[in-house]
Amino acid sequence: MNELAELLIKNNISIGTVESFTVGNFATMLGNIPGISKVYKGSLVTYQGETKERLLGIEHPLIEKYGVVSKEIATLMCVNGKSILDVDLCISFTGNAGPDAMEGKPVGEVYIGIAYEDVVVYKLNLEGSRKEIALKAIDFAQKKIIAKIINILLRLKHRMKKQRMQKNVREEKHFICEMV
């Protein structure tokens, strides 16, 4: 989590979380890192469907149709959370950590949404205790966020380098024209 915090702080990327089965553990781990207050704006723990409806504005018919353990709800959780928390990046966690199947979904089926520039949702089937499933999901999520940020920063750096090269070519052409 330290690597993620450093990357967020260094690049001034604000973050927020919307958590269900992880019950705020991602936020706790991130929030315990010194200096994170520069970019960490807050979290919503929306454990029950009713809370997702009330705090995130997710319509009840969508929860009825897809269930809270779904790609669709994970997407709405991170997208709506990004807007509500006014952050650059929002991550969401929804899933079934057990002990029993829920909505016809097996224990260990989880969805992790990341809204940053675009929205990506990962579906995982994890094994272990409730705590182990949550920790595995958090570990997976932080690695995916780091990779996503690095990829975007590299693309931006490449784009800026290309623009500088194009500017230099234009300046050289202008200089050559002035000489002629």
C-alpha atoms as a PDB file:
ATOM      1  CA  MET A   1       0.000   0.000   0.000  1.00  0.00           C
ATOM      2  CA  ASN A   2       2.985   2.316   0.550  1.00  0.00           C
ATOM      3  CA  GLU A   3       3.901   2.168  -3.151  1.00  0.00           C
ATOM      4  CA  LEU A   4       0.363   3.157  -4.117  1.00  0.00           C
ATOM      5  CA  ALA A   5       0.328   6.021  -1.608  1.00  0.00           C
ATOM      6  CA  GLU A   6       3.658   7.353  -2.883  1.00  0.00           C
ATOM      7  CA  LEU A   7       2.449   7.212  -6.482  1.00  0.00           C
ATOM      8  CA  LEU A   8      -0.789   9.021  -5.648  1.00  0.00           C
ATOM      9  CA  ILE A   9       0.978  11.723  -3.631  1.00  0.00           C
ATOM     10  CA  LYS A  10       3.830  12.219  -6.121  1.00  0.00           C
ATOM     11  CA  ASN A  11       1.369  12.681  -8.990  1.00  0.00           C
ATOM     12  CA  ASN A  12      -1.294  14.525  -6.970  1.00  0.00           C
ATOM     13  CA  ILE A  13      -4.019  12.005  -7.845  1.00  0.00           C
ATOM     14  CA  SER A  14      -6.936  12.194  -5.440  1.00  0.00           C
ATOM     15  CA  ILE A  15      -8.550   8.929  -4.382  1.00  0.00           C
ATOM     16  CA  GLY A  16     -11.716   7.721  -2.719  1.00  0.00           C
ATOM     17  CA  THR A  17     -13.225   4.311  -2.080  1.00  0.00           C
ATOM     18  CA  VAL A  18     -16.647   2.712  -2.027  1.00  0.00           C
ATOM     19  CA  GLU A  19     -16.538  -0.578  -0.170  1.00  0.00           C
ATOM     20  CA  SER A  20     -18.975  -3.348   0.589  1.00  0.00           C
ATOM     21  CA  PHE A  21     -17.556  -6.745   1.606  1.00  0.00           C
ATOM     22  CA  THR A  22     -14.144  -5.195   2.427  1.00  0.00           C
ATOM     23  CA  VAL A  23     -15.975  -3.050   5.035  1.00  0.00           C
ATOM     24  CA  GLY A  24     -13.546  -0.147   4.823  1.00  0.00           C
ATOM     25  CA  ASN A  25     -10.345  -2.165   5.109  1.00  0.00           C
ATOM     26  CA  PHE A  26      -8.841  -0.719   1.900  1.00  0.00           C
ATOM     27  CA  ALA A  27      -9.541   2.762   3.271  1.00  0.00           C
ATOM     28  CA  THR A  28      -8.058   1.862   6.658  1.00  0.00           C
ATOM     29  CA  MET A  29      -4.870   0.508   5.115  1.00  0.00           C
ATOM     30  CA  LEU A  30      -4.470   3.537   2.860  1.00  0.00           C
ATOM     31  CA  GLY A  31      -5.482   6.024   5.541  1.00  0.00           C
ATOM     32  CA  ASN A  32      -2.801   4.749   7.940  1.00  0.00           C
ATOM     33  CA  ILE A  33       0.012   5.912   5.642  1.00  0.00           C
ATOM     34  CA  PRO A  34       1.621   9.218   6.671  1.00  0.00           C
ATOM     35  CA  GLY A  35       1.014  12.029   4.174  1.00  0.00           C
ATOM     36  CA  ILE A  36      -1.924  10.355   2.418  1.00  0.00           C
ATOM     37  CA  SER A  37      -4.262  13.148   3.520  1.00  0.00           C
ATOM     38  CA  LYS A  38      -2.836  15.187   0.630  1.00  0.00           C
ATOM     39  CA  VAL A  39      -4.797  13.022  -1.818  1.00  0.00           C
ATOM     40  CA  TYR A  40      -7.175  10.737   0.095  1.00  0.00           C
ATOM     41  CA  LYS A  41     -10.610  12.387   0.279  1.00  0.00           C
ATOM     42  CA  GLY A  42     -12.713   9.694   1.916  1.00  0.00           C
ATOM     43  CA  SER A  43     -14.713   6.518   1.692  1.00  0.00           C
ATOM     44  CA  LEU A  44     -18.206   5.179   1.734  1.00  0.00           C
ATOM     45  CA  VAL A  45     -18.924   1.773   3.224  1.00  0.00           C
ATOM     46  CA  THR A  46     -22.148   0.630   1.605  1.00  0.00           C
ATOM     47  CA  TYR A  47     -22.608  -2.871   2.927  1.00  0.00           C
ATOM     48  CA  GLN A  48     -26.317  -3.380   2.270  1.00  0.00           C
ATOM     49  CA  GLY A  49     -28.204  -2.836  -0.970  1.00  0.00           C
ATOM     50  CA  GLU A  50     -30.406  -0.216   0.682  1.00  0.00           C
ATOM     51  CA  THR A  51     -27.320   1.801   1.593  1.00  0.00           C
ATOM     52  CA  LYS A  52     -26.030   1.579  -1.972  1.00  0.00           C
ATOM     53  CA  GLU A  53     -29.364   2.968  -3.111  1.00  0.00           C
ATOM     54  CA  ARG A  54     -29.486   5.788  -0.556  1.00  0.00           C
ATOM     55  CA  LEU A  55     -25.852   6.948  -0.541  1.00  0.00           C
ATOM     56  CA  LEU A  56     -24.814   6.154  -4.100  1.00  0.00           C
ATOM     57  CA  GLY A  57     -28.099   6.726  -5.903  1.00  0.00           C
ATOM     58  CA  ILE A  58     -28.132   3.232  -7.399  1.00  0.00           C
ATOM     59  CA  GLU A  59     -31.686   2.479  -8.458  1.00  0.00           C
ATOM     60  CA  HIS A  60     -33.432  -0.428  -6.763  1.00  0.00           C
ATOM     61  CA  PRO A  61     -34.523  -2.069 -10.062  1.00  0.00           C
ATOM     62  CA  LEU A  62     -30.848  -2.361 -11.079  1.00  0.00           C
ATOM     63  CA  ILE A  63     -29.989  -4.088  -7.808  1.00  0.00           C
ATOM     64  CA  GLU A  64     -32.996  -6.378  -8.287  1.00  0.00           C
ATOM     65  CA  LYS A  65     -31.953  -7.182 -11.857  1.00  0.00           C
ATOM     66  CA  TYR A  66     -28.208  -7.738 -11.389  1.00  0.00           C
ATOM     67  CA  GLY A  67     -27.781  -8.236  -7.648  1.00  0.00           C
ATOM     68  CA  VAL A  68     -25.291  -6.319  -5.504  1.00  0.00           C
ATOM     69  CA  VAL A  69     -22.574  -8.833  -6.389  1.00  0.00           C
ATOM     70  CA  SER A  70     -22.232  -7.868 -10.053  1.00  0.00           C
ATOM     71  CA  LYS A  71     -20.154  -6.019 -12.597  1.00  0.00           C
ATOM     72  CA  GLU A  72     -22.970  -3.525 -13.116  1.00  0.00           C
ATOM     73  CA  ILE A  73     -23.211  -2.552  -9.444  1.00  0.00           C
ATOM     74  CA  ALA A  74     -19.402  -2.429  -9.055  1.00  0.00           C
ATOM     75  CA  THR A  75     -19.352  -0.043 -12.024  1.00  0.00           C
ATOM     76  CA  LEU A  76     -22.010   2.237 -10.552  1.00  0.00           C
ATOM     77  CA  MET A  77     -20.328   2.146  -7.144  1.00  0.00           C
ATOM     78  CA  CYS A  78     -16.997   3.480  -8.460  1.00  0.00           C
ATOM     79  CA  VAL A  79     -18.515   5.906 -10.994  1.00  0.00           C
ATOM     80  CA  ASN A  80     -21.025   7.395  -8.546  1.00  0.00           C
ATOM     81  CA  GLY A  81     -18.438   7.358  -5.750  1.00  0.00           C
ATOM     82  CA  LYS A  82     -15.985   9.267  -7.960  1.00  0.00           C
ATOM     83  CA  SER A  83     -18.573  11.982  -8.451  1.00  0.00           C
ATOM     84  CA  ILE A  84     -19.820  12.071  -4.851  1.00  0.00           C
ATOM     85  CA  LEU A  85     -16.324  12.143  -3.350  1.00  0.00           C
ATOM     86  CA  ASP A  86     -15.023  14.479  -6.109  1.00  0.00           C
ATOM     87  CA  VAL A  87     -11.866  12.448  -6.735  1.00  0.00           C
ATOM     88  CA  ASP A  88      -9.649  11.622  -9.698  1.00  0.00           C
ATOM     89  CA  LEU A  89      -9.755   7.905  -8.927  1.00  0.00           C
ATOM     90  CA  CYS A  90     -12.353   5.818  -7.148  1.00  0.00           C
ATOM     91  CA  ILE A  91     -12.231   2.124  -6.395  1.00  0.00           C
ATOM     92  CA  SER A  92     -15.178  -0.057  -5.481  1.00  0.00           C
ATOM     93  CA  PHE A  93     -15.437  -3.481  -3.891  1.00  0.00           C
ATOM     94  CA  THR A  94     -18.539  -5.653  -3.960  1.00  0.00           C
ATOM     95  CA  GLY A  95     -18.727  -9.381  -3.530  1.00  0.00           C
ATOM     96  CA  ASN A  96     -19.581 -12.411  -1.478  1.00  0.00           C
ATOM     97  CA  ALA A  97     -17.036 -13.218   1.225  1.00  0.00           C
ATOM     98  CA  GLY A  98     -19.234 -15.926   2.733  1.00  0.00           C
ATOM     99  CA  PRO A  99     -20.073 -17.944   4.606  1.00  0.00           C
ATOM    100  CA  ASP A 100     -22.920 -18.919   2.216  1.00  0.00           C
ATOM    101  CA  ALA A 101     -23.841 -18.385  -1.423  1.00  0.00           C
ATOM    102  CA  MET A 102     -25.674 -15.105  -1.972  1.00  0.00           C
ATOM    103  CA  GLU A 103     -27.916 -14.114  -4.909  1.00  0.00           C
ATOM    104  CA  GLY A 104     -26.849 -17.399  -6.485  1.00  0.00           C
ATOM    105  CA  LYS A 105     -23.232 -16.204  -6.400  1.00  0.00           C
ATOM    106  CA  PRO A 106     -20.638 -18.479  -4.785  1.00  0.00           C
ATOM    107  CA  VAL A 107     -18.496 -17.505  -1.834  1.00  0.00           C
ATOM    108  CA  GLY A 108     -15.403 -15.726  -3.160  1.00  0.00           C
ATOM    109  CA  GLU A 109     -17.014 -14.089  -6.205  1.00  0.00           C
ATOM    110  CA  VAL A 110     -16.014 -10.437  -6.046  1.00  0.00           C
ATOM    111  CA  TYR A 111     -16.009  -7.427  -8.343  1.00  0.00           C
ATOM    112  CA  ILE A 112     -13.529  -4.578  -8.126  1.00  0.00           C
ATOM    113  CA  GLY A 113     -14.221  -1.385 -10.058  1.00  0.00           C
ATOM    114  CA  ILE A 114     -11.671   1.311 -10.828  1.00  0.00           C
ATOM    115  CA  ALA A 115     -12.816   4.648 -12.231  1.00  0.00           C
ATOM    116  CA  TYR A 116      -9.802   6.631 -13.407  1.00  0.00           C
ATOM    117  CA  GLU A 117      -9.938   8.147 -16.903  1.00  0.00           C
ATOM    118  CA  ASP A 118     -12.140   5.172 -17.834  1.00  0.00           C
ATOM    119  CA  VAL A 119     -13.844   2.398 -15.877  1.00  0.00           C
ATOM    120  CA  VAL A 120     -12.513  -1.123 -15.530  1.00  0.00           C
ATOM    121  CA  VAL A 121     -14.196  -3.861 -13.495  1.00  0.00           C
ATOM    122  CA  TYR A 122     -12.430  -7.066 -12.515  1.00  0.00           C
ATOM    123  CA  LYS A 123     -14.234 -10.250 -11.543  1.00  0.00           C
ATOM    124  CA  LEU A 124     -12.364 -12.558  -9.189  1.00  0.00           C
ATOM    125  CA  ASN A 125     -13.156 -15.922  -7.668  1.00  0.00           C
ATOM    126  CA  LEU A 126     -11.186 -16.066  -4.437  1.00  0.00           C
ATOM    127  CA  GLU A 127     -10.854 -18.713  -1.776  1.00  0.00           C
ATOM    128  CA  GLY A 128     -10.347 -18.478   1.959  1.00  0.00           C
ATOM    129  CA  SER A 129     -11.999 -17.066   5.030  1.00  0.00           C
ATOM    130  CA  ARG A 130     -13.956 -13.807   4.891  1.00  0.00           C
ATOM    131  CA  LYS A 131     -10.858 -11.934   6.015  1.00  0.00           C
ATOM    132  CA  GLU A 132      -8.595 -13.724   3.518  1.00  0.00           C
ATOM    133  CA  ILE A 133     -10.965 -13.028   0.625  1.00  0.00           C
ATOM    134  CA  ALA A 134     -11.086  -9.333   1.545  1.00  0.00           C
ATOM    135  CA  LEU A 135      -7.284  -9.088   1.900  1.00  0.00           C
ATOM    136  CA  LYS A 136      -6.700 -10.870  -1.414  1.00  0.00           C
ATOM    137  CA  ALA A 137      -9.114  -8.484  -3.136  1.00  0.00           C
ATOM    138  CA  ILE A 138      -7.405  -5.455  -1.589  1.00  0.00           C
ATOM    139  CA  ASP A 139      -3.969  -6.700  -2.638  1.00  0.00           C
ATOM    140  CA  PHE A 140      -5.200  -7.334  -6.194  1.00  0.00           C
ATOM    141  CA  ALA A 141      -6.835  -3.898  -6.329  1.00  0.00           C
ATOM    142  CA  GLN A 142      -3.794  -1.937  -5.200  1.00  0.00           C
ATOM    143  CA  LYS A 143      -1.632  -3.698  -7.816  1.00  0.00           C
ATOM    144  CA  LYS A 144      -4.166  -2.924 -10.560  1.00  0.00           C
ATOM    145  CA  ILE A 145      -4.397   0.735  -9.534  1.00  0.00           C
ATOM    146  CA  ILE A 146      -0.612   1.091  -9.559  1.00  0.00           C
ATOM    147  CA  ALA A 147      -0.396  -0.511 -13.017  1.00  0.00           C
ATOM    148  CA  LYS A 148      -3.214   1.696 -14.340  1.00  0.00           C
ATOM    149  CA  ILE A 149      -1.646   4.918 -13.050  1.00  0.00           C
ATOM    150  CA  ILE A 150       1.795   4.006 -14.405  1.00  0.00           C
ATOM    151  CA  ASN A 151       0.323   3.118 -17.796  1.00  0.00           C
ATOM    152  CA  ILE A 152      -1.543   6.427 -18.014  1.00  0.00           C
ATOM    153  CA  LEU A 153       1.515   8.415 -16.899  1.00  0.00           C
ATOM    154  CA  LEU A 154       3.695   6.667 -19.505  1.00  0.00           C
ATOM    155  CA  ARG A 155       1.161   7.421 -22.246  1.00  0.00           C
ATOM    156  CA  LEU A 156       1.038  11.052 -21.135  1.00  0.00           C
ATOM    157  CA  LYS A 157       4.845  11.273 -21.064  1.00  0.00           C
ATOM    158  CA  HIS A 158       5.042   9.748 -24.559  1.00  0.00           C
ATOM    159  CA  ARG A 159       2.400  12.180 -25.855  1.00  0.00           C
ATOM    160  CA  MET A 160       4.267  15.160 -24.371  1.00  0.00           C
ATOM    161  CA  LYS A 161       7.573  13.960 -25.857  1.00  0.00           C
ATOM    162  CA  LYS A 162       5.914  13.593 -29.269  1.00  0.00           C
ATOM    163  CA  GLN A 163       4.442  17.105 -29.007  1.00  0.00           C
ATOM    164  CA  ARG A 164       7.878  18.545 -28.099  1.00  0.00           C
ATOM    165  CA  MET A 165       9.429  16.791 -31.082  1.00  0.00           C
ATOM    166  CA  GLN A 166       6.729  18.143 -33.395  1.00  0.00           C
ATOM    167  CA  LYS A 167       7.275  21.639 -31.986  1.00  0.00           C
ATOM    168  CA  ASN A 168      11.032  21.351 -32.544  1.00  0.00           C
ATOM    169  CA  VAL A 169      10.472  20.256 -36.161  1.00  0.00           C
ATOM    170  CA  ARG A 170       8.155  23.225 -36.755  1.00  0.00           C
ATOM    171  CA  GLU A 171      10.715  25.600 -35.226  1.00  0.00           C
ATOM    172  CA  GLU A 172      13.494  24.132 -37.384  1.00  0.00           C
ATOM    173  CA  LYS A 173      11.347  24.506 -40.520  1.00  0.00           C
ATOM    174  CA  HIS A 174      10.592  28.118 -39.578  1.00  0.00           C
ATOM    175  CA  PHE A 175      14.314  28.794 -38.943  1.00  0.00           C
ATOM    176  CA  ILE A 176      15.305  27.239 -42.270  1.00  0.00           C
ATOM    177  CA  CYS A 177      12.663  29.281 -44.112  1.00  0.00           C
ATOM    178  CA  GLU A 178      13.984  32.476 -42.522  1.00  0.00           C
ATOM    179  CA  MET A 179      17.529  31.613 -43.657  1.00  0.00           C
ATOM    180  CA  VAL A 180      16.435  31.104 -47.270  1.00  0.00           C
END
